[in-house]
Amino acid sequence: MTLLFIKPSWNIQMLSQKIFELLKRFSEKKYNIFHAKMEDDSDVFTNLKVDISEKSKILVVYGDNATGKSLISKLLEQILKQDKIAVRNACVRNRTSSGIEKAMIYGDEATQSTGATSFNVIKLCLNSCLKDTKESVAILDEPDLGLSSRFSKSLAQFIMSYTKEMNNEQFVVITSHNKDFIQQLINDSENGVSSFGINTEQNLQDFINNDDIASIEELENRGSFGHKRWLAIENSLK
């Protein structure tokens, strides 16, 4: 899906402030996509929770399965690119799709774990962002995919070590619902973590602490819900 947006007209110098301004616009539903309706006329996007830590160099987009976390990262990517900001995207597709070229660069999942393959892509993405000489954003879409709790925590520490090397022209966006992984990001952060919650009234810490268990019916309906949500979003862009 191609998402077309008007380039923001802002008088902001710092990259993080540009991203924070976009998040505020998202939460205020200033783009048509956030007014998408399901077949029963319910909103695709209900609660959009923004919490900004002004000195942070990392944003966590959180929410349950099929709420639109990857879509938010795609929105950010396309709008930032309009402003000539470099975007390094380690999306799930780039890490888990098959192909000889991918296997040669990142590793082959036939001979190594999904988590190990993901780590290679994430490391390359972060290194590219650090080497950029202009404004650059690394987008890590569910970087903890395929990792156990123990390894997801070590990955969080690894990512945070990169943010400590970043200057004001570099930033990291992460989408995840892995609570152990997100908590470790928070624990290792020196300047706080900014967050954007989708279809939740909970702030990031409350989301982590929530122990509610979904019904199996909810889980079974996630797939069809995700498809219907995409159809609703496509209709909102026509």
C-alpha atoms as a PDB file:
ATOM      1  CA  MET A   1       0.000   0.000   0.000  1.00  0.00           C
ATOM      2  CA  THR A   2       1.322   3.453  -0.903  1.00  0.00           C
ATOM      3  CA  LEU A   3       0.445   6.160   1.598  1.00  0.00           C
ATOM      4  CA  LEU A   4       0.472   9.702   0.241  1.00  0.00           C
ATOM      5  CA  PHE A   5       0.737  12.666   2.622  1.00  0.00           C
ATOM      6  CA  ILE A   6       1.380  16.365   2.401  1.00  0.00           C
ATOM      7  CA  LYS A   7       4.883  17.206   3.545  1.00  0.00           C
ATOM      8  CA  PRO A   8       4.704  18.942   6.949  1.00  0.00           C
ATOM      9  CA  SER A   9       5.686  22.595   7.062  1.00  0.00           C
ATOM     10  CA  TRP A  10       7.633  22.888  10.286  1.00  0.00           C
ATOM     11  CA  ASN A  11      10.207  25.236  11.709  1.00  0.00           C
ATOM     12  CA  ILE A  12      11.961  22.580  13.774  1.00  0.00           C
ATOM     13  CA  GLN A  13      15.675  21.853  13.726  1.00  0.00           C
ATOM     14  CA  MET A  14      16.122  18.692  15.811  1.00  0.00           C
ATOM     15  CA  LEU A  15      15.135  15.359  14.261  1.00  0.00           C
ATOM     16  CA  SER A  16      13.541  14.082  17.472  1.00  0.00           C
ATOM     17  CA  GLN A  17      11.299  17.149  17.638  1.00  0.00           C
ATOM     18  CA  LYS A  18      10.120  16.530  14.076  1.00  0.00           C
ATOM     19  CA  ILE A  19       9.161  12.979  15.015  1.00  0.00           C
ATOM     20  CA  PHE A  20       7.426  14.110  18.198  1.00  0.00           C
ATOM     21  CA  GLU A  21       5.448  16.686  16.209  1.00  0.00           C
ATOM     22  CA  LEU A  22       4.298  13.951  13.811  1.00  0.00           C
ATOM     23  CA  LEU A  23       3.180  11.797  16.738  1.00  0.00           C
ATOM     24  CA  LYS A  24       1.082  14.658  18.078  1.00  0.00           C
ATOM     25  CA  ARG A  25      -0.527  15.063  14.660  1.00  0.00           C
ATOM     26  CA  PHE A  26      -1.221  11.330  14.541  1.00  0.00           C
ATOM     27  CA  SER A  27      -2.855  11.391  17.984  1.00  0.00           C
ATOM     28  CA  GLU A  28      -4.999  14.342  16.908  1.00  0.00           C
ATOM     29  CA  LYS A  29      -6.018  12.334  13.814  1.00  0.00           C
ATOM     30  CA  LYS A  30      -4.938  15.028  11.377  1.00  0.00           C
ATOM     31  CA  TYR A  31      -4.547  12.478   8.577  1.00  0.00           C
ATOM     32  CA  ASN A  32      -7.478  10.779   6.847  1.00  0.00           C
ATOM     33  CA  ILE A  33      -6.122   7.340   7.573  1.00  0.00           C
ATOM     34  CA  PHE A  34      -6.917   7.777  11.270  1.00  0.00           C
ATOM     35  CA  HIS A  35     -10.599   8.270  10.441  1.00  0.00           C
ATOM     36  CA  ALA A  36     -10.919   4.851   8.771  1.00  0.00           C
ATOM     37  CA  LYS A  37     -14.129   2.959   9.607  1.00  0.00           C
ATOM     38  CA  MET A  38     -14.811  -0.761   9.841  1.00  0.00           C
ATOM     39  CA  GLU A  39     -17.885  -2.321   8.193  1.00  0.00           C
ATOM     40  CA  ASP A  40     -19.912  -1.807  11.388  1.00  0.00           C
ATOM     41  CA  ASP A  41     -18.917   1.911  11.349  1.00  0.00           C
ATOM     42  CA  SER A  42     -16.584   1.508  14.327  1.00  0.00           C
ATOM     43  CA  ASP A  43     -13.234   3.287  14.246  1.00  0.00           C
ATOM     44  CA  VAL A  44     -10.151   1.381  13.117  1.00  0.00           C
ATOM     45  CA  PHE A  45      -8.102   3.619  15.406  1.00  0.00           C
ATOM     46  CA  THR A  46      -9.692   4.405  18.757  1.00  0.00           C
ATOM     47  CA  ASN A  47      -7.236   5.459  21.453  1.00  0.00           C
ATOM     48  CA  LEU A  48      -3.856   6.830  20.359  1.00  0.00           C
ATOM     49  CA  LYS A  49      -1.611   7.358  23.383  1.00  0.00           C
ATOM     50  CA  VAL A  50       1.428   9.629  23.067  1.00  0.00           C
ATOM     51  CA  ASP A  51       4.072  10.006  25.764  1.00  0.00           C
ATOM     52  CA  ILE A  52       7.155  12.026  24.901  1.00  0.00           C
ATOM     53  CA  SER A  53      10.461  12.102  26.725  1.00  0.00           C
ATOM     54  CA  GLU A  54      12.076  15.193  25.263  1.00  0.00           C
ATOM     55  CA  LYS A  55      15.683  13.963  25.457  1.00  0.00           C
ATOM     56  CA  SER A  56      14.974  10.460  24.181  1.00  0.00           C
ATOM     57  CA  LYS A  57      16.440   9.097  20.946  1.00  0.00           C
ATOM     58  CA  ILE A  58      14.102   6.130  20.788  1.00  0.00           C
ATOM     59  CA  LEU A  59      10.386   5.691  20.161  1.00  0.00           C
ATOM     60  CA  VAL A  60       8.439   2.525  21.027  1.00  0.00           C
ATOM     61  CA  VAL A  61       5.202   1.937  19.109  1.00  0.00           C
ATOM     62  CA  TYR A  62       3.170  -0.553  21.133  1.00  0.00           C
ATOM     63  CA  GLY A  63      -0.205  -2.292  21.166  1.00  0.00           C
ATOM     64  CA  ASP A  64      -1.772  -5.716  20.730  1.00  0.00           C
ATOM     65  CA  ASN A  65      -1.512  -7.867  17.607  1.00  0.00           C
ATOM     66  CA  ALA A  66      -3.120  -6.428  14.451  1.00  0.00           C
ATOM     67  CA  THR A  67      -3.605  -2.930  15.855  1.00  0.00           C
ATOM     68  CA  GLY A  68      -1.447  -1.168  13.256  1.00  0.00           C
ATOM     69  CA  LYS A  69       2.019  -0.817  14.785  1.00  0.00           C
ATOM     70  CA  SER A  70       3.806  -1.547  11.519  1.00  0.00           C
ATOM     71  CA  LEU A  71       1.482   0.860   9.728  1.00  0.00           C
ATOM     72  CA  ILE A  72       2.509   3.708  12.046  1.00  0.00           C
ATOM     73  CA  SER A  73       6.168   3.026  11.306  1.00  0.00           C
ATOM     74  CA  LYS A  74       5.326   3.060   7.568  1.00  0.00           C
ATOM     75  CA  LEU A  75       3.580   6.416   7.945  1.00  0.00           C
ATOM     76  CA  LEU A  76       6.579   7.849   9.734  1.00  0.00           C
ATOM     77  CA  GLU A  77       8.908   6.479   7.070  1.00  0.00           C
ATOM     78  CA  GLN A  78       7.038   7.983   4.123  1.00  0.00           C
ATOM     79  CA  ILE A  79       6.526  11.392   5.717  1.00  0.00           C
ATOM     80  CA  LEU A  80      10.155  11.643   6.884  1.00  0.00           C
ATOM     81  CA  LYS A  81      11.416  10.665   3.426  1.00  0.00           C
ATOM     82  CA  GLN A  82       9.437  13.565   1.960  1.00  0.00           C
ATOM     83  CA  ASP A  83      11.600  15.795   4.158  1.00  0.00           C
ATOM     84  CA  LYS A  84      14.765  14.179   2.719  1.00  0.00           C
ATOM     85  CA  ILE A  85      15.466  12.299   5.960  1.00  0.00           C
ATOM     86  CA  ALA A  86      17.236   8.953   5.476  1.00  0.00           C
ATOM     87  CA  VAL A  87      15.215   5.982   6.755  1.00  0.00           C
ATOM     88  CA  ARG A  88      16.850   2.621   7.427  1.00  0.00           C
ATOM     89  CA  ASN A  89      14.071   0.044   7.743  1.00  0.00           C
ATOM     90  CA  ALA A  90      14.672  -3.410   9.240  1.00  0.00           C
ATOM     91  CA  CYS A  91      11.056  -4.484   8.731  1.00  0.00           C
ATOM     92  CA  VAL A  92       9.820  -8.037   9.277  1.00  0.00           C
ATOM     93  CA  ARG A  93       9.566  -8.589   5.513  1.00  0.00           C
ATOM     94  CA  ASN A  94      13.240  -7.750   4.972  1.00  0.00           C
ATOM     95  CA  ARG A  95      14.284 -10.110   7.776  1.00  0.00           C
ATOM     96  CA  THR A  96      12.076 -13.140   7.193  1.00  0.00           C
ATOM     97  CA  SER A  97      11.299 -13.284   3.447  1.00  0.00           C
ATOM     98  CA  SER A  98      13.064 -15.993   1.505  1.00  0.00           C
ATOM     99  CA  GLY A  99      15.573 -15.509  -1.281  1.00  0.00           C
ATOM    100  CA  ILE A 100      19.181 -16.255  -2.229  1.00  0.00           C
ATOM    101  CA  GLU A 101      20.252 -12.594  -2.081  1.00  0.00           C
ATOM    102  CA  LYS A 102      18.870 -12.146   1.427  1.00  0.00           C
ATOM    103  CA  ALA A 103      20.454 -15.398   2.599  1.00  0.00           C
ATOM    104  CA  MET A 104      23.879 -14.295   1.306  1.00  0.00           C
ATOM    105  CA  ILE A 105      23.701 -10.966   3.125  1.00  0.00           C
ATOM    106  CA  TYR A 106      21.895 -11.805   6.361  1.00  0.00           C
ATOM    107  CA  GLY A 107      22.020 -15.587   6.705  1.00  0.00           C
ATOM    108  CA  ASP A 108      19.708 -18.441   5.773  1.00  0.00           C
ATOM    109  CA  GLU A 109      16.932 -19.479   8.153  1.00  0.00           C
ATOM    110  CA  ALA A 110      17.310 -23.036   6.883  1.00  0.00           C
ATOM    111  CA  THR A 111      20.647 -23.176   8.730  1.00  0.00           C
ATOM    112  CA  GLN A 112      20.214 -20.600  11.503  1.00  0.00           C
ATOM    113  CA  SER A 113      17.403 -19.322  13.707  1.00  0.00           C
ATOM    114  CA  THR A 114      14.960 -16.572  12.814  1.00  0.00           C
ATOM    115  CA  GLY A 115      16.288 -14.603  15.770  1.00  0.00           C
ATOM    116  CA  ALA A 116      19.895 -14.822  14.526  1.00  0.00           C
ATOM    117  CA  THR A 117      18.847 -13.721  11.039  1.00  0.00           C
ATOM    118  CA  SER A 118      16.869 -10.809  12.497  1.00  0.00           C
ATOM    119  CA  PHE A 119      19.840  -9.724  14.590  1.00  0.00           C
ATOM    120  CA  ASN A 120      22.095  -9.513  11.519  1.00  0.00           C
ATOM    121  CA  VAL A 121      19.606  -7.233   9.739  1.00  0.00           C
ATOM    122  CA  ILE A 122      19.076  -5.075  12.839  1.00  0.00           C
ATOM    123  CA  LYS A 123      22.816  -4.647  13.368  1.00  0.00           C
ATOM    124  CA  LEU A 124      23.299  -3.642   9.726  1.00  0.00           C
ATOM    125  CA  CYS A 125      20.411  -1.173   9.985  1.00  0.00           C
ATOM    126  CA  LEU A 126      21.794   0.500  13.116  1.00  0.00           C
ATOM    127  CA  ASN A 127      25.314   0.659  11.707  1.00  0.00           C
ATOM    128  CA  SER A 128      24.005   2.329   8.536  1.00  0.00           C
ATOM    129  CA  CYS A 129      22.107   4.883  10.602  1.00  0.00           C
ATOM    130  CA  LEU A 130      25.221   5.725  12.650  1.00  0.00           C
ATOM    131  CA  LYS A 131      27.304   6.174   9.491  1.00  0.00           C
ATOM    132  CA  ASP A 132      24.812   8.525   7.820  1.00  0.00           C
ATOM    133  CA  THR A 133      26.107  12.086   7.601  1.00  0.00           C
ATOM    134  CA  LYS A 134      22.634  13.603   7.472  1.00  0.00           C
ATOM    135  CA  GLU A 135      19.418  13.105   9.464  1.00  0.00           C
ATOM    136  CA  SER A 136      18.725   9.383   9.703  1.00  0.00           C
ATOM    137  CA  VAL A 137      16.093   7.174  11.352  1.00  0.00           C
ATOM    138  CA  ALA A 138      16.423   3.427  11.982  1.00  0.00           C
ATOM    139  CA  ILE A 139      13.049   1.649  12.031  1.00  0.00           C
ATOM    140  CA  LEU A 140      13.078  -1.750  13.752  1.00  0.00           C
ATOM    141  CA  ASP A 141       9.766  -3.539  13.206  1.00  0.00           C
ATOM    142  CA  GLU A 142       9.379  -6.210  15.917  1.00  0.00           C
ATOM    143  CA  PRO A 143      13.152  -6.720  16.252  1.00  0.00           C
ATOM    144  CA  ASP A 144      12.565  -9.291  19.012  1.00  0.00           C
ATOM    145  CA  LEU A 145      10.764 -11.657  16.612  1.00  0.00           C
ATOM    146  CA  GLY A 146      11.927 -15.238  17.098  1.00  0.00           C
ATOM    147  CA  LEU A 147      13.822 -14.525  20.321  1.00  0.00           C
ATOM    148  CA  SER A 148      13.244 -15.994  23.765  1.00  0.00           C
ATOM    149  CA  SER A 149      12.778 -13.662  26.724  1.00  0.00           C
ATOM    150  CA  ARG A 150      16.440 -14.004  27.664  1.00  0.00           C
ATOM    151  CA  PHE A 151      17.733 -13.095  24.209  1.00  0.00           C
ATOM    152  CA  SER A 152      15.151 -10.347  23.658  1.00  0.00           C
ATOM    153  CA  LYS A 153      16.489  -8.598  26.761  1.00  0.00           C
ATOM    154  CA  SER A 154      20.060  -8.801  25.474  1.00  0.00           C
ATOM    155  CA  LEU A 155      18.885  -7.386  22.139  1.00  0.00           C
ATOM    156  CA  ALA A 156      17.245  -4.473  23.974  1.00  0.00           C
ATOM    157  CA  GLN A 157      20.542  -3.746  25.727  1.00  0.00           C
ATOM    158  CA  PHE A 158      22.355  -3.922  22.386  1.00  0.00           C
ATOM    159  CA  ILE A 159      19.960  -1.443  20.745  1.00  0.00           C
ATOM    160  CA  MET A 160      20.197   0.970  23.669  1.00  0.00           C
ATOM    161  CA  SER A 161      23.999   0.874  23.465  1.00  0.00           C
ATOM    162  CA  TYR A 162      23.677   2.205  19.903  1.00  0.00           C
ATOM    163  CA  THR A 163      21.388   5.061  20.920  1.00  0.00           C
ATOM    164  CA  LYS A 164      24.066   6.228  23.354  1.00  0.00           C
ATOM    165  CA  GLU A 165      26.406   6.743  20.374  1.00  0.00           C
ATOM    166  CA  MET A 166      23.834   8.651  18.314  1.00  0.00           C
ATOM    167  CA  ASN A 167      23.914  12.384  17.784  1.00  0.00           C
ATOM    168  CA  ASN A 168      20.941  14.739  17.449  1.00  0.00           C
ATOM    169  CA  GLU A 169      20.520  13.814  13.773  1.00  0.00           C
ATOM    170  CA  GLN A 170      19.896  10.125  14.489  1.00  0.00           C
ATOM    171  CA  PHE A 171      16.872   8.353  15.979  1.00  0.00           C
ATOM    172  CA  VAL A 172      15.434   4.844  16.451  1.00  0.00           C
ATOM    173  CA  VAL A 173      11.787   3.765  16.046  1.00  0.00           C
ATOM    174  CA  ILE A 174      10.778   0.331  17.383  1.00  0.00           C
ATOM    175  CA  THR A 175       7.468  -1.517  17.081  1.00  0.00           C
ATOM    176  CA  SER A 176       6.877  -4.282  19.606  1.00  0.00           C
ATOM    177  CA  HIS A 177       4.435  -5.926  21.998  1.00  0.00           C
ATOM    178  CA  ASN A 178       7.109  -7.983  23.776  1.00  0.00           C
ATOM    179  CA  LYS A 179       6.864  -6.747  27.357  1.00  0.00           C
ATOM    180  CA  ASP A 180      10.202  -8.172  28.554  1.00  0.00           C
ATOM    181  CA  PHE A 181      11.960  -6.581  25.596  1.00  0.00           C
ATOM    182  CA  ILE A 182      10.292  -3.184  26.098  1.00  0.00           C
ATOM    183  CA  GLN A 183      10.957  -3.185  29.854  1.00  0.00           C
ATOM    184  CA  GLN A 184      14.639  -3.800  29.203  1.00  0.00           C
ATOM    185  CA  LEU A 185      14.716  -0.845  26.807  1.00  0.00           C
ATOM    186  CA  ILE A 186      13.299   1.329  29.578  1.00  0.00           C
ATOM    187  CA  ASN A 187      15.706  -0.070  32.180  1.00  0.00           C
ATOM    188  CA  ASP A 188      18.742   0.674  29.999  1.00  0.00           C
ATOM    189  CA  SER A 189      17.657   4.123  28.844  1.00  0.00           C
ATOM    190  CA  GLU A 190      19.574   7.144  30.087  1.00  0.00           C
ATOM    191  CA  ASN A 191      17.248   9.755  28.575  1.00  0.00           C
ATOM    192  CA  GLY A 192      13.892   8.002  28.746  1.00  0.00           C
ATOM    193  CA  VAL A 193      11.824   6.293  26.074  1.00  0.00           C
ATOM    194  CA  SER A 194       9.094   8.019  24.063  1.00  0.00           C
ATOM    195  CA  SER A 195       6.079   5.927  23.149  1.00  0.00           C
ATOM    196  CA  PHE A 196       3.022   5.753  20.911  1.00  0.00           C
ATOM    197  CA  GLY A 197       0.254   3.351  21.934  1.00  0.00           C
ATOM    198  CA  ILE A 198      -2.362   2.152  19.456  1.00  0.00           C
ATOM    199  CA  ASN A 199      -5.919   1.293  20.507  1.00  0.00           C
ATOM    200  CA  THR A 200      -5.055   1.399  24.190  1.00  0.00           C
ATOM    201  CA  GLU A 201      -5.678   3.807  27.046  1.00  0.00           C
ATOM    202  CA  GLN A 202      -2.633   2.469  28.879  1.00  0.00           C
ATOM    203  CA  ASN A 203       0.688   4.249  28.944  1.00  0.00           C
ATOM    204  CA  LEU A 204       3.732   2.151  28.116  1.00  0.00           C
ATOM    205  CA  GLN A 205       4.497   1.040  31.679  1.00  0.00           C
ATOM    206  CA  ASP A 206       0.861   0.109  32.381  1.00  0.00           C
ATOM    207  CA  PHE A 207       0.802  -1.858  29.120  1.00  0.00           C
ATOM    208  CA  ILE A 208       3.861  -3.800  30.293  1.00  0.00           C
ATOM    209  CA  ASN A 209       2.356  -4.440  33.736  1.00  0.00           C
ATOM    210  CA  ASN A 210      -1.027  -5.568  32.419  1.00  0.00           C
ATOM    211  CA  ASP A 211      -1.483  -9.319  32.969  1.00  0.00           C
ATOM    212  CA  ASP A 212      -4.889  -9.706  31.298  1.00  0.00           C
ATOM    213  CA  ILE A 213      -5.333 -12.889  29.254  1.00  0.00           C
ATOM    214  CA  ALA A 214      -7.227 -12.708  25.954  1.00  0.00           C
ATOM    215  CA  SER A 215      -9.786 -15.350  25.033  1.00  0.00           C
ATOM    216  CA  ILE A 216      -8.962 -17.938  22.378  1.00  0.00           C
ATOM    217  CA  GLU A 217     -11.844 -16.501  20.328  1.00  0.00           C
ATOM    218  CA  GLU A 218     -10.070 -13.141  20.234  1.00  0.00           C
ATOM    219  CA  LEU A 219      -6.934 -14.846  19.011  1.00  0.00           C
ATOM    220  CA  GLU A 220      -8.805 -16.746  16.306  1.00  0.00           C
ATOM    221  CA  ASN A 221     -10.411 -13.516  15.092  1.00  0.00           C
ATOM    222  CA  ARG A 222      -7.123 -11.582  14.830  1.00  0.00           C
ATOM    223  CA  GLY A 223      -6.423 -12.745  11.290  1.00  0.00           C
ATOM    224  CA  SER A 224      -9.787 -11.769   9.817  1.00  0.00           C
ATOM    225  CA  PHE A 225      -9.771  -8.536  11.818  1.00  0.00           C
ATOM    226  CA  GLY A 226      -6.403  -7.583  10.387  1.00  0.00           C
ATOM    227  CA  HIS A 227      -7.649  -8.127   6.832  1.00  0.00           C
ATOM    228  CA  LYS A 228     -10.817  -6.087   7.432  1.00  0.00           C
ATOM    229  CA  ARG A 229      -8.768  -3.324   9.010  1.00  0.00           C
ATOM    230  CA  TRP A 230      -6.567  -3.056   5.909  1.00  0.00           C
ATOM    231  CA  LEU A 231      -9.629  -2.856   3.686  1.00  0.00           C
ATOM    232  CA  ALA A 232     -11.011  -0.052   5.838  1.00  0.00           C
ATOM    233  CA  ILE A 233      -7.714   1.836   5.662  1.00  0.00           C
ATOM    234  CA  GLU A 234      -7.551   1.469   1.884  1.00  0.00           C
ATOM    235  CA  ASN A 235     -11.086   2.894   1.613  1.00  0.00           C
ATOM    236  CA  SER A 236     -10.093   5.882   3.738  1.00  0.00           C
ATOM    237  CA  LEU A 237      -7.322   6.725   1.252  1.00  0.00           C
ATOM    238  CA  LYS A 238      -9.538   6.738  -1.827  1.00  0.00           C
END
